[in-house]
Amino acid sequence: MKVVSFSIFKGGTGKTTSSVNAAAALVNKGKKVLLVDLDQQASATRYLNLDPEHSPNLYDVFMGTKSAQLAIQQSRFNIDVLSSHVLLAAIEEALEPGDEFKLQQLLNPLKPSYDYILVDSPPGKAMLAFNALAAADLIVIPASAERMAVDGVADWLITFASE
């Protein structure tokens, strides 16, 4: 079982597209996949035709009112999803240094049920982004070969190396 985080601090680099397409490819190979939409914009949730207003969702899981298992939705593409919600912004504000392993703790009970857990990380140097990194066995950094994207990768590597 692998947890794969799609992460870069810059927005608009293809994190969501890459994570959703990777999930679909793995499902097509017969793998059991959970996609965690950690971005409050809920793009991966919407991409898979799920309602970001659905409850329970990741906000409820982080708040401790629902277990991650109860918050999982299945998309019509056979990809299980922990959907995002705009209120993840409140979770972001509530997380403090030392809370970097919260997502990992929430995902641990789910690991035996999946071949892969893919995390669509939010942009920016935020606690939820650091949670996605801390939970990962493998990190994918989507970036195009243009100056701003390459600078974003360098910034990510410098920050990650210093943590």
Foldseek 3Di string as FASTA:
>chain_A
DFEEEADFQDPPQCLLVVLLVVLLVCVVVVWAEEEEELAQVQPNCVVLVHDLVDPPAVVCCLVVVDAQVVQWDAGPSRYIYRTHHNCSVVVQVVDDPVCLQVVLVRCVVVVVVGPYYYYRAYHRPTSRSSNSVVNGPHYHYRHDPDDVRVVRVVVVVVVVVVD
